[in-house]
Amino acid sequence: MPEPPKPEPNPDILIRAMEPADLPDITEAWNQPSAYAGTLQLPYTSLEARQQRHAAHAGSTRLVAVIDRKAIGMIFLGREENRRSHVGSIGVAVHDAYAGRGAGTALMAAVIDLADNWLQLKRLELSVYADNARAIALYERFGFEREGFHRAYSWRNGAFVDSISMARLRL
């Protein structure tokens, strides 16, 4: 199957490696209602907790989307080990106030470029809540396909929610 067309990047968005100084901005972004509702993160995560989580996953790749010198979104790429070293797992969130401006698209394009052209990853995986149509559409634009459905995957806002497993294979 041919690669899907890549969306045009927004020239106002800078994608770069996350720096420790970005953690306050990223903590703010991931504490936004839509951001934490779309991930497995809890609301009201402190900067200290975010710093500890960052340190615990020091070997992973984190890229940030920057608008006007503010980190407004982040994508995480964790590489699996041993016989799954060809696999990367992705998590992404964008500050609610910047949603719809192309940051998610720019982050996805950058992490896929990194995975394909630098890390030699064959498979990228992610989970997305089944009711997150906007994120699902983004992932599908980048060639991710639905592979599984998980009923009552997690607890969110007083109810269980379903999740979809998606993956992108580089052939």
N, C-alpha and C. Protein backbone atom coordinates (compact mmCIF):
# COMPACT_ATOMS: atom_id res chain seq x y z
N MET A 1 0.84 -1.17 0.00
CA MET A 1 0.00 0.00 0.00
C MET A 1 0.89 1.24 0.00
N PRO A 2 0.64 2.20 -0.88
CA PRO A 2 1.47 3.41 -0.92
C PRO A 2 1.27 4.27 0.31
N GLU A 3 2.31 5.05 0.61
CA GLU A 3 2.24 5.97 1.75
C GLU A 3 1.17 7.02 1.48
N PRO A 4 0.38 7.41 2.50
CA PRO A 4 -0.59 8.48 2.32
C PRO A 4 0.14 9.81 2.13
N PRO A 5 -0.49 10.77 1.48
CA PRO A 5 0.17 12.07 1.30
C PRO A 5 0.39 12.73 2.65
N LYS A 6 1.54 13.38 2.77
CA LYS A 6 1.87 14.06 4.02
C LYS A 6 1.21 15.44 4.04
N PRO A 7 0.54 15.79 5.15
CA PRO A 7 -0.08 17.11 5.26
C PRO A 7 0.97 18.22 5.23
N GLU A 8 0.56 19.37 4.73
CA GLU A 8 1.47 20.52 4.66
C GLU A 8 1.76 21.04 6.06
N PRO A 9 3.03 21.32 6.37
CA PRO A 9 3.36 21.84 7.71
C PRO A 9 2.95 23.30 7.87
N ASN A 10 2.70 23.69 9.10
CA ASN A 10 2.40 25.08 9.44
C ASN A 10 3.73 25.78 9.73
N PRO A 11 4.10 26.81 8.97
CA PRO A 11 5.40 27.46 9.17
C PRO A 11 5.51 28.20 10.50
N ASP A 12 4.40 28.43 11.19
CA ASP A 12 4.44 29.12 12.48
C ASP A 12 4.77 28.19 13.64
N ILE A 13 4.87 26.88 13.36
CA ILE A 13 5.12 25.89 14.40
C ILE A 13 6.53 25.34 14.25
N LEU A 14 7.30 25.46 15.31
CA LEU A 14 8.65 24.89 15.36
C LEU A 14 8.58 23.56 16.09
N ILE A 15 9.16 22.53 15.50
CA ILE A 15 9.27 21.23 16.16
C ILE A 15 10.74 21.04 16.53
N ARG A 16 10.97 20.69 17.79
CA ARG A 16 12.34 20.48 18.26
C ARG A 16 12.33 19.51 19.42
N ALA A 17 13.52 19.09 19.82
CA ALA A 17 13.64 18.21 20.99
C ALA A 17 13.17 18.95 22.23
N MET A 18 12.53 18.21 23.11
CA MET A 18 12.09 18.79 24.37
C MET A 18 13.30 19.04 25.26
N GLU A 19 13.30 20.18 25.93
CA GLU A 19 14.34 20.55 26.87
C GLU A 19 13.74 20.60 28.28
N PRO A 20 14.56 20.43 29.32
CA PRO A 20 14.03 20.52 30.69
C PRO A 20 13.27 21.82 30.95
N ALA A 21 13.69 22.90 30.34
CA ALA A 21 13.01 24.19 30.54
C ALA A 21 11.60 24.19 29.96
N ASP A 22 11.25 23.21 29.11
CA ASP A 22 9.92 23.11 28.53
C ASP A 22 8.90 22.48 29.48
N LEU A 23 9.37 21.85 30.55
CA LEU A 23 8.46 21.10 31.42
C LEU A 23 7.33 21.94 32.01
N PRO A 24 7.54 23.18 32.43
CA PRO A 24 6.38 23.95 32.90
C PRO A 24 5.31 24.15 31.82
N ASP A 25 5.73 24.46 30.60
CA ASP A 25 4.76 24.62 29.50
C ASP A 25 4.05 23.30 29.20
N ILE A 26 4.81 22.21 29.17
CA ILE A 26 4.23 20.90 28.86
C ILE A 26 3.29 20.46 29.98
N THR A 27 3.65 20.74 31.22
CA THR A 27 2.75 20.43 32.33
C THR A 27 1.44 21.18 32.18
N GLU A 28 1.52 22.45 31.81
CA GLU A 28 0.31 23.24 31.57
C GLU A 28 -0.52 22.63 30.43
N ALA A 29 0.15 22.26 29.34
CA ALA A 29 -0.56 21.69 28.19
C ALA A 29 -1.26 20.39 28.54
N TRP A 30 -0.55 19.48 29.23
CA TRP A 30 -1.13 18.18 29.56
C TRP A 30 -2.16 18.27 30.67
N ASN A 31 -2.23 19.41 31.38
CA ASN A 31 -3.26 19.61 32.39
C ASN A 31 -4.52 20.25 31.83
N GLN A 32 -4.58 20.48 30.54
CA GLN A 32 -5.78 21.02 29.91
C GLN A 32 -6.85 19.93 29.83
N PRO A 33 -8.12 20.27 30.00
CA PRO A 33 -9.17 19.25 30.03
C PRO A 33 -9.20 18.32 28.82
N SER A 34 -9.09 18.84 27.62
CA SER A 34 -9.11 17.95 26.45
C SER A 34 -7.85 17.12 26.35
N ALA A 35 -6.73 17.69 26.76
CA ALA A 35 -5.46 16.96 26.68
C ALA A 35 -5.48 15.75 27.62
N TYR A 36 -5.81 15.96 28.90
CA TYR A 36 -5.79 14.79 29.79
C TYR A 36 -6.96 13.86 29.53
N ALA A 37 -8.07 14.37 29.03
CA ALA A 37 -9.20 13.49 28.71
C ALA A 37 -8.89 12.58 27.54
N GLY A 38 -7.96 12.98 26.68
CA GLY A 38 -7.60 12.18 25.53
C GLY A 38 -6.42 11.24 25.77
N THR A 39 -5.87 11.25 26.99
CA THR A 39 -4.72 10.41 27.31
C THR A 39 -5.00 9.62 28.58
N LEU A 40 -4.04 8.89 29.03
CA LEU A 40 -4.15 8.19 30.31
C LEU A 40 -3.65 9.04 31.48
N GLN A 41 -3.34 10.30 31.22
CA GLN A 41 -2.86 11.21 32.25
C GLN A 41 -4.01 11.60 33.18
N LEU A 42 -3.66 11.94 34.40
CA LEU A 42 -4.64 12.43 35.36
C LEU A 42 -4.65 13.95 35.36
N PRO A 43 -5.79 14.56 35.69
CA PRO A 43 -5.80 16.01 35.82
C PRO A 43 -4.97 16.44 37.03
N TYR A 44 -4.58 17.69 37.02
CA TYR A 44 -3.89 18.32 38.15
C TYR A 44 -2.51 17.70 38.43
N THR A 45 -1.81 17.27 37.41
CA THR A 45 -0.47 16.73 37.60
C THR A 45 0.48 17.89 37.88
N SER A 46 1.26 17.74 38.92
CA SER A 46 2.19 18.81 39.31
C SER A 46 3.43 18.80 38.41
N LEU A 47 4.12 19.92 38.43
CA LEU A 47 5.38 20.01 37.71
C LEU A 47 6.37 19.00 38.25
N GLU A 48 6.41 18.83 39.55
CA GLU A 48 7.33 17.86 40.16
C GLU A 48 7.03 16.43 39.66
N ALA A 49 5.77 16.07 39.61
CA ALA A 49 5.40 14.74 39.12
C ALA A 49 5.78 14.58 37.65
N ARG A 50 5.58 15.63 36.86
CA ARG A 50 5.95 15.59 35.44
C ARG A 50 7.47 15.45 35.31
N GLN A 51 8.25 16.13 36.16
CA GLN A 51 9.71 16.01 36.13
C GLN A 51 10.15 14.58 36.46
N GLN A 52 9.50 13.97 37.44
CA GLN A 52 9.83 12.59 37.79
C GLN A 52 9.50 11.63 36.65
N ARG A 53 8.37 11.83 36.03
CA ARG A 53 7.99 10.98 34.89
C ARG A 53 8.97 11.16 33.75
N HIS A 54 9.37 12.39 33.49
CA HIS A 54 10.35 12.68 32.44
C HIS A 54 11.66 11.96 32.72
N ALA A 55 12.13 12.02 33.95
CA ALA A 55 13.38 11.37 34.33
C ALA A 55 13.29 9.84 34.22
N ALA A 56 12.13 9.29 34.55
CA ALA A 56 11.95 7.84 34.51
C ALA A 56 11.97 7.29 33.09
N HIS A 57 11.68 8.12 32.10
CA HIS A 57 11.66 7.69 30.70
C HIS A 57 12.73 8.42 29.91
N ALA A 58 13.90 8.54 30.50
CA ALA A 58 14.98 9.35 29.91
C ALA A 58 15.43 8.82 28.55
N GLY A 59 15.29 7.53 28.28
CA GLY A 59 15.74 6.97 27.01
C GLY A 59 14.79 7.17 25.85
N SER A 60 13.63 7.72 26.11
CA SER A 60 12.65 7.91 25.04
C SER A 60 12.88 9.25 24.35
N THR A 61 12.23 9.40 23.22
CA THR A 61 12.31 10.64 22.45
C THR A 61 11.08 11.48 22.75
N ARG A 62 11.31 12.76 23.02
CA ARG A 62 10.21 13.70 23.21
C ARG A 62 10.47 14.91 22.33
N LEU A 63 9.50 15.22 21.51
CA LEU A 63 9.55 16.40 20.67
C LEU A 63 8.46 17.35 21.12
N VAL A 64 8.71 18.65 21.01
CA VAL A 64 7.70 19.64 21.36
C VAL A 64 7.36 20.48 20.14
N ALA A 65 6.12 20.96 20.13
CA ALA A 65 5.67 21.95 19.16
C ALA A 65 5.72 23.29 19.87
N VAL A 66 6.36 24.26 19.23
CA VAL A 66 6.55 25.58 19.83
C VAL A 66 5.88 26.63 18.94
N ILE A 67 5.07 27.47 19.57
CA ILE A 67 4.47 28.64 18.91
C ILE A 67 4.80 29.85 19.77
N ASP A 68 5.37 30.87 19.16
CA ASP A 68 5.74 32.09 19.88
C ASP A 68 6.56 31.78 21.14
N ARG A 69 7.53 30.91 20.99
CA ARG A 69 8.48 30.53 22.05
C ARG A 69 7.84 29.78 23.22
N LYS A 70 6.62 29.28 23.05
CA LYS A 70 5.94 28.50 24.09
C LYS A 70 5.74 27.08 23.59
N ALA A 71 6.17 26.10 24.38
CA ALA A 71 5.93 24.69 24.06
C ALA A 71 4.45 24.42 24.31
N ILE A 72 3.72 24.12 23.24
CA ILE A 72 2.26 23.98 23.35
C ILE A 72 1.79 22.55 23.11
N GLY A 73 2.72 21.65 22.81
CA GLY A 73 2.36 20.26 22.60
C GLY A 73 3.60 19.39 22.64
N MET A 74 3.39 18.11 22.86
CA MET A 74 4.50 17.18 22.94
C MET A 74 4.10 15.84 22.35
N ILE A 75 5.06 15.18 21.73
CA ILE A 75 4.87 13.80 21.30
C ILE A 75 5.99 12.97 21.91
N PHE A 76 5.62 11.82 22.39
CA PHE A 76 6.52 10.88 23.05
C PHE A 76 6.70 9.68 22.13
N LEU A 77 7.92 9.25 21.93
CA LEU A 77 8.21 8.04 21.16
C LEU A 77 9.09 7.15 22.00
N GLY A 78 8.50 6.08 22.49
CA GLY A 78 9.25 5.10 23.28
C GLY A 78 9.58 3.90 22.41
N ARG A 79 10.81 3.45 22.49
CA ARG A 79 11.23 2.30 21.69
C ARG A 79 11.16 1.04 22.55
N GLU A 80 10.56 0.02 21.97
CA GLU A 80 10.47 -1.26 22.66
C GLU A 80 11.84 -1.93 22.67
N GLU A 81 11.96 -3.01 23.42
CA GLU A 81 13.26 -3.68 23.57
C GLU A 81 13.23 -5.10 23.03
N ASN A 82 14.42 -5.64 22.93
CA ASN A 82 14.66 -7.03 22.56
C ASN A 82 14.03 -7.38 21.22
N ARG A 83 13.18 -8.39 21.18
CA ARG A 83 12.64 -8.83 19.90
C ARG A 83 11.60 -7.88 19.33
N ARG A 84 11.28 -6.81 20.08
CA ARG A 84 10.36 -5.78 19.57
C ARG A 84 11.10 -4.45 19.40
N SER A 85 12.40 -4.52 19.17
CA SER A 85 13.18 -3.29 19.01
C SER A 85 12.86 -2.55 17.72
N HIS A 86 12.09 -3.16 16.84
CA HIS A 86 11.65 -2.50 15.60
C HIS A 86 10.35 -1.71 15.80
N VAL A 87 9.87 -1.64 17.06
CA VAL A 87 8.57 -1.04 17.36
C VAL A 87 8.75 0.22 18.22
N GLY A 88 7.99 1.25 17.88
CA GLY A 88 7.91 2.45 18.71
C GLY A 88 6.49 2.69 19.14
N SER A 89 6.31 3.20 20.36
CA SER A 89 5.00 3.54 20.89
C SER A 89 4.90 5.06 21.03
N ILE A 90 3.76 5.60 20.64
CA ILE A 90 3.56 7.04 20.57
C ILE A 90 2.47 7.49 21.54
N GLY A 91 2.70 8.67 22.13
CA GLY A 91 1.69 9.38 22.91
C GLY A 91 1.83 10.86 22.57
N VAL A 92 0.72 11.55 22.41
CA VAL A 92 0.77 12.96 21.98
C VAL A 92 -0.36 13.74 22.64
N ALA A 93 -0.08 15.01 22.92
CA ALA A 93 -1.12 15.93 23.40
C ALA A 93 -0.74 17.35 23.02
N VAL A 94 -1.76 18.18 22.83
CA VAL A 94 -1.58 19.59 22.48
C VAL A 94 -2.45 20.41 23.43
N HIS A 95 -1.93 21.54 23.84
CA HIS A 95 -2.64 22.49 24.71
C HIS A 95 -4.00 22.82 24.07
N ASP A 96 -5.05 22.82 24.88
CA ASP A 96 -6.40 23.08 24.38
C ASP A 96 -6.50 24.38 23.59
N ALA A 97 -5.83 25.42 24.04
CA ALA A 97 -5.92 26.73 23.38
C ALA A 97 -5.28 26.75 22.00
N TYR A 98 -4.48 25.73 21.68
CA TYR A 98 -3.77 25.68 20.40
C TYR A 98 -4.28 24.55 19.50
N ALA A 99 -5.29 23.83 19.93
CA ALA A 99 -5.84 22.73 19.14
C ALA A 99 -6.37 23.25 17.81
N GLY A 100 -6.18 22.47 16.77
CA GLY A 100 -6.69 22.83 15.45
C GLY A 100 -5.79 23.75 14.66
N ARG A 101 -4.59 24.03 15.16
CA ARG A 101 -3.68 24.93 14.45
C ARG A 101 -2.54 24.19 13.75
N GLY A 102 -2.56 22.86 13.79
CA GLY A 102 -1.57 22.08 13.06
C GLY A 102 -0.44 21.53 13.90
N ALA A 103 -0.47 21.74 15.20
CA ALA A 103 0.61 21.23 16.05
C ALA A 103 0.64 19.70 16.07
N GLY A 104 -0.51 19.07 16.18
CA GLY A 104 -0.55 17.61 16.18
C GLY A 104 -0.03 17.04 14.87
N THR A 105 -0.41 17.66 13.77
CA THR A 105 0.08 17.23 12.46
C THR A 105 1.59 17.39 12.36
N ALA A 106 2.10 18.53 12.82
CA ALA A 106 3.54 18.76 12.77
C ALA A 106 4.31 17.79 13.65
N LEU A 107 3.77 17.51 14.83
CA LEU A 107 4.43 16.55 15.73
C LEU A 107 4.44 15.15 15.12
N MET A 108 3.30 14.73 14.55
CA MET A 108 3.23 13.40 13.92
C MET A 108 4.20 13.30 12.76
N ALA A 109 4.25 14.31 11.91
CA ALA A 109 5.17 14.28 10.76
C ALA A 109 6.62 14.16 11.23
N ALA A 110 6.97 14.90 12.26
CA ALA A 110 8.35 14.87 12.75
C ALA A 110 8.70 13.52 13.36
N VAL A 111 7.80 12.95 14.15
CA VAL A 111 8.12 11.69 14.80
C VAL A 111 8.15 10.54 13.79
N ILE A 112 7.32 10.61 12.77
CA ILE A 112 7.36 9.57 11.73
C ILE A 112 8.64 9.68 10.91
N ASP A 113 9.06 10.89 10.59
CA ASP A 113 10.34 11.08 9.91
C ASP A 113 11.47 10.50 10.74
N LEU A 114 11.47 10.78 12.03
CA LEU A 114 12.50 10.26 12.93
C LEU A 114 12.47 8.73 12.96
N ALA A 115 11.28 8.16 13.11
CA ALA A 115 11.13 6.70 13.19
C ALA A 115 11.57 6.02 11.90
N ASP A 116 11.16 6.57 10.76
CA ASP A 116 11.45 5.94 9.46
C ASP A 116 12.89 6.15 9.01
N ASN A 117 13.39 7.35 9.14
CA ASN A 117 14.65 7.72 8.51
C ASN A 117 15.86 7.73 9.42
N TRP A 118 15.64 7.63 10.73
CA TRP A 118 16.76 7.70 11.65
C TRP A 118 16.80 6.55 12.64
N LEU A 119 15.65 6.08 13.09
CA LEU A 119 15.62 5.03 14.11
C LEU A 119 15.37 3.64 13.53
N GLN A 120 15.07 3.57 12.25
CA GLN A 120 14.83 2.31 11.55
C GLN A 120 13.70 1.50 12.21
N LEU A 121 12.64 2.19 12.62
CA LEU A 121 11.49 1.51 13.19
C LEU A 121 10.56 1.06 12.07
N LYS A 122 10.09 -0.15 12.18
CA LYS A 122 9.19 -0.69 11.17
C LYS A 122 7.72 -0.50 11.56
N ARG A 123 7.46 -0.44 12.87
CA ARG A 123 6.09 -0.41 13.36
C ARG A 123 5.96 0.69 14.41
N LEU A 124 4.93 1.52 14.25
CA LEU A 124 4.58 2.51 15.26
C LEU A 124 3.20 2.15 15.79
N GLU A 125 3.05 2.18 17.11
CA GLU A 125 1.80 1.80 17.76
C GLU A 125 1.29 2.93 18.63
N LEU A 126 -0.03 2.94 18.81
CA LEU A 126 -0.65 3.87 19.76
C LEU A 126 -2.02 3.35 20.13
N SER A 127 -2.55 3.89 21.21
CA SER A 127 -3.93 3.65 21.61
C SER A 127 -4.63 4.99 21.64
N VAL A 128 -5.88 4.99 21.24
CA VAL A 128 -6.67 6.22 21.20
C VAL A 128 -8.08 5.89 21.66
N TYR A 129 -8.68 6.80 22.43
CA TYR A 129 -10.05 6.57 22.87
C TYR A 129 -10.96 6.52 21.65
N ALA A 130 -11.90 5.59 21.69
CA ALA A 130 -12.79 5.35 20.55
C ALA A 130 -13.66 6.56 20.23
N ASP A 131 -13.88 7.46 21.19
CA ASP A 131 -14.70 8.64 20.93
C ASP A 131 -13.87 9.86 20.51
N ASN A 132 -12.58 9.69 20.29
CA ASN A 132 -11.71 10.81 19.91
C ASN A 132 -11.55 10.83 18.38
N ALA A 133 -12.63 11.23 17.70
CA ALA A 133 -12.66 11.21 16.23
C ALA A 133 -11.57 12.08 15.61
N ARG A 134 -11.28 13.20 16.23
CA ARG A 134 -10.27 14.12 15.68
C ARG A 134 -8.88 13.45 15.67
N ALA A 135 -8.52 12.81 16.78
CA ALA A 135 -7.22 12.14 16.85
C ALA A 135 -7.17 10.94 15.90
N ILE A 136 -8.24 10.18 15.85
CA ILE A 136 -8.28 9.02 14.95
C ILE A 136 -8.07 9.48 13.51
N ALA A 137 -8.73 10.55 13.12
CA ALA A 137 -8.57 11.07 11.75
C ALA A 137 -7.13 11.49 11.49
N LEU A 138 -6.49 12.13 12.47
CA LEU A 138 -5.08 12.52 12.33
C LEU A 138 -4.22 11.29 12.11
N TYR A 139 -4.38 10.28 12.94
CA TYR A 139 -3.55 9.08 12.83
C TYR A 139 -3.78 8.37 11.50
N GLU A 140 -5.03 8.32 11.07
CA GLU A 140 -5.31 7.67 9.78
C GLU A 140 -4.68 8.43 8.62
N ARG A 141 -4.63 9.77 8.69
CA ARG A 141 -3.96 10.55 7.65
C ARG A 141 -2.48 10.19 7.53
N PHE A 142 -1.91 9.72 8.62
CA PHE A 142 -0.49 9.33 8.61
C PHE A 142 -0.30 7.83 8.41
N GLY A 143 -1.33 7.14 7.98
CA GLY A 143 -1.19 5.74 7.63
C GLY A 143 -1.41 4.75 8.75
N PHE A 144 -1.88 5.19 9.90
CA PHE A 144 -2.20 4.26 10.99
C PHE A 144 -3.50 3.55 10.66
N GLU A 145 -3.55 2.28 11.01
CA GLU A 145 -4.75 1.47 10.79
C GLU A 145 -5.23 0.91 12.11
N ARG A 146 -6.53 0.70 12.20
CA ARG A 146 -7.13 0.12 13.40
C ARG A 146 -6.80 -1.36 13.45
N GLU A 147 -6.33 -1.79 14.60
CA GLU A 147 -5.98 -3.20 14.77
C GLU A 147 -6.79 -3.90 15.85
N GLY A 148 -7.33 -3.16 16.78
CA GLY A 148 -8.08 -3.80 17.85
C GLY A 148 -8.96 -2.83 18.59
N PHE A 149 -9.93 -3.37 19.29
CA PHE A 149 -10.88 -2.58 20.06
C PHE A 149 -10.87 -3.10 21.49
N HIS A 150 -10.71 -2.20 22.45
CA HIS A 150 -10.63 -2.59 23.86
C HIS A 150 -11.81 -1.96 24.60
N ARG A 151 -12.73 -2.82 25.03
CA ARG A 151 -13.90 -2.34 25.77
C ARG A 151 -13.49 -2.02 27.21
N ALA A 152 -14.09 -0.97 27.75
CA ALA A 152 -13.82 -0.53 29.12
C ALA A 152 -12.31 -0.46 29.37
N TYR A 153 -11.60 0.17 28.45
CA TYR A 153 -10.13 0.25 28.49
C TYR A 153 -9.62 1.03 29.70
N SER A 154 -10.28 2.15 30.00
CA SER A 154 -9.85 2.93 31.16
C SER A 154 -11.04 3.71 31.73
N TRP A 155 -10.80 4.27 32.89
CA TRP A 155 -11.80 5.06 33.60
C TRP A 155 -11.52 6.53 33.32
N ARG A 156 -12.54 7.25 32.84
CA ARG A 156 -12.37 8.67 32.52
C ARG A 156 -13.64 9.41 32.89
N ASN A 157 -13.49 10.42 33.70
CA ASN A 157 -14.59 11.31 34.04
C ASN A 157 -15.84 10.57 34.52
N GLY A 158 -15.64 9.59 35.37
CA GLY A 158 -16.75 8.88 35.99
C GLY A 158 -17.35 7.74 35.20
N ALA A 159 -16.68 7.31 34.13
CA ALA A 159 -17.22 6.20 33.33
C ALA A 159 -16.08 5.47 32.62
N PHE A 160 -16.32 4.22 32.30
CA PHE A 160 -15.35 3.47 31.50
C PHE A 160 -15.45 3.90 30.04
N VAL A 161 -14.32 3.96 29.37
CA VAL A 161 -14.28 4.33 27.96
C VAL A 161 -13.52 3.26 27.18
N ASP A 162 -13.91 3.12 25.92
CA ASP A 162 -13.29 2.15 25.04
C ASP A 162 -12.09 2.78 24.33
N SER A 163 -11.22 1.91 23.84
CA SER A 163 -10.02 2.38 23.15
C SER A 163 -9.80 1.56 21.89
N ILE A 164 -9.12 2.17 20.94
CA ILE A 164 -8.75 1.51 19.70
C ILE A 164 -7.23 1.41 19.65
N SER A 165 -6.71 0.24 19.32
CA SER A 165 -5.28 0.07 19.07
C SER A 165 -5.06 0.35 17.59
N MET A 166 -4.05 1.18 17.31
CA MET A 166 -3.73 1.51 15.93
C MET A 166 -2.23 1.31 15.72
N ALA A 167 -1.87 1.00 14.48
CA ALA A 167 -0.45 0.84 14.16
C ALA A 167 -0.21 1.28 12.73
N ARG A 168 1.01 1.67 12.50
CA ARG A 168 1.48 2.04 11.16
C ARG A 168 2.70 1.20 10.86
N LEU A 169 2.65 0.46 9.75
CA LEU A 169 3.78 -0.38 9.35
C LEU A 169 4.49 0.28 8.19
N ARG A 170 5.79 0.33 8.28
CA ARG A 170 6.60 0.82 7.15
C ARG A 170 7.04 -0.41 6.38
N LEU A 171 6.58 -0.51 5.15
CA LEU A 171 6.85 -1.70 4.35
C LEU A 171 8.13 -1.60 3.56
